[in-house]
Amino acid sequence: MISDPLFFALAIPAVILIGLSKGGFGGTATLVGVPLMAIAVPPVTAAGVLLPILIVMDVVGLFAWRGRFDRGVVATMLPAAAFGVVAGYLTAASVSPDAFRLTIGLLALWFFANWFLGQRQVRAAKPQQPVKGVFWGAVAGFSSFVSHAGGPPFQVYVVPLKIDPPVFAGTSVVFFAAVNVMKLVPYFLLGQFSAENLATSAVLLPLAPAATLAGVWLVRRTDPSVFYRIIYWMLLPIGLKLAYDGLTALL
């Protein structure tokens, strides 16, 4: 088990934030998990520690939001996400996580800026567009595999649909629960489930259900307009963090 006190000082708030997000706020805060924990341990170790915890959170979220999800979104994005996960595994040795972290960070910032500059305009809900759904589903699967950073690509497609917050929450939970299960075998083949990582996951695991249920509670009591403002504003610090980390590592 990892014994560095700094790691746990960073991992505990990371797991709590991720749980709140996994409870229904779009999975955005999962972006901060790997970067925050990577301050103390290698990113690959952080990702390996987090995956079992994410799956426990997914189980809690599936129970809380059972039956409440957009079937059209899932049917469009999930097969493409499977392709993205496979692509992530096949290119794991050649793709720079820092370059991809920079790309996802810039994407998050672009999405926030697009919303912020046009938030005074009244925009109608967009219809589902299968071609875009397939593209962003594949990007979400790939980025989720690389660094559990599938939140922004998922939101790029789903947020403009303006579905009801509980349905949005349930759709996010179903989508990422399936993606995380897809990642189990590739992560195992890449050696990310070491005894040390699994023992560390077990220590942090009790935080997962409580934090996820707290996120569910917040979503059910949040006004839809406030809900989406929270989603958008969460992208700003996360996008800045990812872009900064990726850029400084590449320079």
Protein backbone atom coordinates (compact mmCIF):
# COMPACT_ATOMS: atom_id res chain seq x y z
CA MET A 1 0.00 0.00 0.00
CA ILE A 2 1.14 3.54 -0.73
CA SER A 3 2.25 5.06 2.58
CA ASP A 4 3.15 8.63 1.60
CA PRO A 5 1.06 11.04 3.75
CA LEU A 6 1.10 13.60 0.94
CA PHE A 7 -0.60 11.11 -1.36
CA PHE A 8 -3.50 10.61 1.06
CA ALA A 9 -3.73 14.35 1.75
CA LEU A 10 -4.39 14.75 -1.98
CA ALA A 11 -6.27 11.51 -2.66
CA ILE A 12 -8.96 11.96 0.01
CA PRO A 13 -10.30 15.30 -1.32
CA ALA A 14 -9.91 13.98 -4.87
CA VAL A 15 -12.10 10.95 -4.13
CA ILE A 16 -14.71 13.13 -2.38
CA LEU A 17 -14.89 15.54 -5.33
CA ILE A 18 -15.10 12.66 -7.79
CA GLY A 19 -17.90 11.06 -5.77
CA LEU A 20 -19.92 14.29 -5.76
CA SER A 21 -19.43 14.53 -9.50
CA LYS A 22 -20.26 10.88 -10.13
CA GLY A 23 -23.49 11.36 -8.20
CA GLY A 24 -24.82 13.35 -11.11
CA PHE A 25 -22.78 16.41 -11.99
CA GLY A 26 -21.60 14.95 -15.26
CA GLY A 27 -18.43 13.23 -14.14
CA THR A 28 -16.48 16.43 -14.67
CA ALA A 29 -14.58 16.29 -11.39
CA THR A 30 -13.09 12.93 -12.36
CA LEU A 31 -10.70 15.08 -14.39
CA VAL A 32 -9.04 16.38 -11.24
CA GLY A 33 -8.48 12.95 -9.71
CA VAL A 34 -5.45 11.79 -11.67
CA PRO A 35 -3.73 15.24 -11.84
CA LEU A 36 -4.25 15.87 -8.13
CA MET A 37 -2.99 12.43 -7.05
CA ALA A 38 -0.17 12.60 -9.62
CA ILE A 39 1.46 15.32 -7.53
CA ALA A 40 2.55 12.52 -5.18
CA VAL A 41 2.64 9.40 -7.41
CA PRO A 42 3.10 8.66 -11.13
CA PRO A 43 -0.05 9.28 -13.25
CA VAL A 44 -0.26 5.60 -14.20
CA THR A 45 -0.36 4.63 -10.52
CA ALA A 46 -3.02 7.25 -9.81
CA ALA A 47 -5.19 5.92 -12.65
CA GLY A 48 -4.80 2.34 -11.44
CA VAL A 49 -5.77 3.28 -7.88
CA LEU A 50 -8.80 5.25 -9.02
CA LEU A 51 -10.45 2.74 -11.37
CA PRO A 52 -11.79 0.32 -8.70
CA ILE A 53 -13.07 3.31 -6.71
CA LEU A 54 -14.80 4.72 -9.80
CA ILE A 55 -16.53 1.40 -10.39
CA VAL A 56 -17.89 1.33 -6.83
CA MET A 57 -19.17 4.87 -7.34
CA ASP A 58 -20.78 3.75 -10.60
CA VAL A 59 -22.67 0.97 -8.80
CA VAL A 60 -24.03 3.46 -6.26
CA GLY A 61 -24.97 5.89 -9.03
CA LEU A 62 -26.69 3.20 -11.11
CA PHE A 63 -28.83 2.28 -8.12
CA ALA A 64 -29.68 5.90 -7.29
CA TRP A 65 -30.60 6.85 -10.87
CA ARG A 66 -31.95 3.47 -12.00
CA GLY A 67 -34.16 3.71 -15.06
CA ARG A 68 -33.51 7.44 -15.57
CA PHE A 69 -31.30 7.90 -18.60
CA ASP A 70 -31.55 8.96 -22.23
CA ARG A 71 -31.48 5.77 -24.29
CA GLY A 72 -30.76 7.63 -27.51
CA VAL A 73 -27.61 9.22 -26.11
CA VAL A 74 -26.35 5.93 -24.67
CA ALA A 75 -27.12 3.99 -27.87
CA THR A 76 -25.25 6.58 -29.96
CA MET A 77 -22.21 7.24 -27.78
CA LEU A 78 -21.46 3.95 -26.03
CA PRO A 79 -20.45 1.80 -29.05
CA ALA A 80 -18.16 4.62 -30.16
CA ALA A 81 -16.73 4.83 -26.64
CA ALA A 82 -15.82 1.13 -26.85
CA PHE A 83 -13.82 1.92 -29.97
CA GLY A 84 -12.12 4.76 -28.09
CA VAL A 85 -11.17 2.46 -25.20
CA VAL A 86 -9.67 -0.09 -27.61
CA ALA A 87 -7.76 2.69 -29.38
CA GLY A 88 -6.47 3.92 -26.03
CA TYR A 89 -5.18 0.46 -25.16
CA LEU A 90 -3.54 -0.11 -28.54
CA THR A 91 -1.79 3.26 -28.47
CA ALA A 92 -1.01 3.35 -24.74
CA ALA A 93 2.72 3.04 -25.34
CA SER A 94 2.93 5.68 -28.08
CA VAL A 95 0.48 8.44 -27.15
CA SER A 96 1.80 11.09 -24.80
CA PRO A 97 -0.58 11.49 -21.83
CA ASP A 98 0.68 15.06 -21.48
CA ALA A 99 -0.25 15.95 -25.06
CA PHE A 100 -3.67 14.45 -24.63
CA ARG A 101 -4.10 16.18 -21.24
CA LEU A 102 -3.33 19.49 -22.98
CA THR A 103 -5.87 18.73 -25.71
CA ILE A 104 -8.64 17.86 -23.26
CA GLY A 105 -7.84 20.94 -21.18
CA LEU A 106 -8.09 23.24 -24.20
CA LEU A 107 -11.34 21.55 -25.20
CA ALA A 108 -12.80 22.16 -21.75
CA LEU A 109 -11.74 25.82 -21.90
CA TRP A 110 -13.23 26.25 -25.37
CA PHE A 111 -16.52 24.76 -24.24
CA PHE A 112 -16.63 27.05 -21.20
CA ALA A 113 -15.76 30.15 -23.26
CA ASN A 114 -18.39 29.30 -25.85
CA TRP A 115 -21.02 29.09 -23.11
CA PHE A 116 -19.79 32.11 -21.14
CA LEU A 117 -19.72 34.46 -24.15
CA GLY A 118 -23.17 33.38 -25.28
CA GLN A 119 -24.93 32.76 -21.97
CA ARG A 120 -27.15 35.84 -22.34
CA GLN A 121 -28.60 34.40 -25.50
CA VAL A 122 -31.59 32.13 -25.17
CA ARG A 123 -30.64 28.91 -26.86
CA ALA A 124 -33.10 26.16 -27.63
CA ALA A 125 -32.25 22.57 -26.91
CA LYS A 126 -30.40 20.98 -29.79
CA PRO A 127 -31.68 17.74 -31.34
CA GLN A 128 -29.55 14.64 -31.15
CA GLN A 129 -27.06 14.36 -34.00
CA PRO A 130 -25.77 10.78 -34.37
CA VAL A 131 -22.60 11.69 -36.28
CA LYS A 132 -21.51 14.14 -33.57
CA GLY A 133 -22.58 11.67 -30.89
CA VAL A 134 -20.38 8.95 -32.36
CA PHE A 135 -17.40 11.30 -32.64
CA TRP A 136 -17.63 12.63 -29.08
CA GLY A 137 -18.39 9.17 -27.74
CA ALA A 138 -15.14 7.88 -29.22
CA VAL A 139 -13.20 10.85 -27.84
CA ALA A 140 -14.78 10.33 -24.41
CA GLY A 141 -13.84 6.64 -24.41
CA PHE A 142 -10.26 7.34 -25.45
CA SER A 143 -9.73 10.18 -22.98
CA SER A 144 -11.36 8.20 -20.20
CA PHE A 145 -8.94 5.36 -20.83
CA VAL A 146 -5.89 7.61 -20.91
CA SER A 147 -6.55 9.65 -17.77
CA HIS A 148 -10.20 9.22 -16.64
CA ALA A 149 -10.85 12.49 -18.50
CA GLY A 150 -13.99 11.60 -20.43
CA GLY A 151 -16.20 14.27 -18.85
CA PRO A 152 -15.70 17.25 -21.21
CA PRO A 153 -16.14 15.27 -24.47
CA PHE A 154 -19.31 13.72 -23.03
CA GLN A 155 -20.61 17.15 -22.07
CA VAL A 156 -19.76 18.73 -25.43
CA TYR A 157 -22.42 16.51 -26.99
CA VAL A 158 -24.93 16.03 -24.15
CA VAL A 159 -25.16 19.45 -22.40
CA PRO A 160 -26.56 21.29 -25.50
CA LEU A 161 -29.40 18.74 -25.61
CA LYS A 162 -30.68 20.33 -22.36
CA ILE A 163 -32.20 17.16 -20.99
CA ASP A 164 -33.64 17.24 -17.47
CA PRO A 165 -30.94 17.18 -14.74
CA PRO A 166 -31.99 13.78 -13.28
CA VAL A 167 -31.93 12.26 -16.79
CA PHE A 168 -28.60 13.94 -17.51
CA ALA A 169 -27.24 12.52 -14.26
CA GLY A 170 -28.52 9.02 -15.00
CA THR A 171 -27.22 9.13 -18.58
CA SER A 172 -23.77 10.15 -17.36
CA VAL A 173 -23.74 7.36 -14.77
CA VAL A 174 -24.82 4.67 -17.26
CA PHE A 175 -22.33 5.83 -19.89
CA PHE A 176 -19.28 6.02 -17.64
CA ALA A 177 -20.18 2.88 -15.70
CA ALA A 178 -20.08 0.94 -18.96
CA VAL A 179 -16.86 2.66 -20.07
CA ASN A 180 -15.14 1.89 -16.75
CA VAL A 181 -16.07 -1.79 -17.00
CA MET A 182 -14.61 -1.82 -20.52
CA LYS A 183 -11.32 -0.52 -19.09
CA LEU A 184 -10.86 -3.35 -16.57
CA VAL A 185 -9.23 -5.91 -18.86
CA PRO A 186 -6.92 -3.43 -20.66
CA TYR A 187 -5.83 -1.94 -17.32
CA PHE A 188 -5.10 -5.42 -16.01
CA LEU A 189 -3.06 -6.27 -19.12
CA LEU A 190 -1.08 -3.06 -18.65
CA GLY A 191 -0.24 -4.06 -15.06
CA GLN A 192 -2.14 -1.27 -13.33
CA PHE A 193 -3.78 -3.55 -10.75
CA SER A 194 -0.72 -4.27 -8.62
CA ALA A 195 -1.13 -5.44 -5.03
CA GLU A 196 0.05 -2.02 -3.82
CA ASN A 197 -2.49 -0.17 -5.95
CA LEU A 198 -5.39 -2.43 -4.95
CA ALA A 199 -4.53 -2.12 -1.24
CA THR A 200 -4.49 1.66 -1.58
CA SER A 201 -7.83 1.58 -3.41
CA ALA A 202 -9.30 -0.50 -0.56
CA VAL A 203 -8.28 2.12 2.02
CA LEU A 204 -9.95 4.93 0.05
CA LEU A 205 -13.00 2.89 -0.94
CA PRO A 206 -15.24 3.74 2.09
CA LEU A 207 -15.36 7.36 0.91
CA ALA A 208 -16.87 6.39 -2.44
CA PRO A 209 -20.52 5.55 -1.53
CA ALA A 210 -20.98 8.51 0.83
CA ALA A 211 -19.55 11.04 -1.61
CA THR A 212 -21.60 9.66 -4.52
CA LEU A 213 -24.85 9.72 -2.56
CA ALA A 214 -24.09 13.30 -1.51
CA GLY A 215 -23.83 14.17 -5.22
CA VAL A 216 -27.19 12.49 -5.89
CA TRP A 217 -28.75 14.51 -3.06
CA LEU A 218 -27.42 17.78 -4.50
CA VAL A 219 -28.66 17.09 -8.04
CA ARG A 220 -32.17 16.29 -6.82
CA ARG A 221 -32.33 19.62 -5.00
CA THR A 222 -30.72 21.87 -7.59
CA ASP A 223 -32.64 24.09 -10.02
CA PRO A 224 -31.97 23.06 -13.67
CA SER A 225 -30.49 26.46 -14.60
CA VAL A 226 -28.21 26.38 -11.57
CA PHE A 227 -27.31 22.78 -12.34
CA TYR A 228 -26.02 23.62 -15.80
CA ARG A 229 -24.16 26.71 -14.59
CA ILE A 230 -22.35 24.47 -12.11
CA ILE A 231 -21.46 22.06 -14.92
CA TYR A 232 -20.04 24.84 -17.08
CA TRP A 233 -18.13 26.61 -14.30
CA MET A 234 -16.52 23.34 -13.21
CA LEU A 235 -14.92 23.15 -16.63
CA LEU A 236 -12.93 26.37 -16.14
CA PRO A 237 -10.52 25.40 -13.31
CA ILE A 238 -10.30 21.83 -14.57
CA GLY A 239 -9.49 22.96 -18.11
CA LEU A 240 -6.87 25.38 -16.83
CA LYS A 241 -5.30 22.66 -14.68
CA LEU A 242 -5.15 20.10 -17.48
CA ALA A 243 -3.87 22.60 -20.06
CA TYR A 244 -1.20 23.91 -17.69
CA ASP A 245 -0.03 20.43 -16.69
CA GLY A 246 0.10 19.22 -20.27
CA LEU A 247 1.85 22.31 -21.62
CA THR A 248 4.48 22.55 -18.88
CA ALA A 249 5.29 18.83 -19.23
CA LEU A 250 5.74 19.15 -22.99
CA LEU A 251 7.92 22.28 -22.91
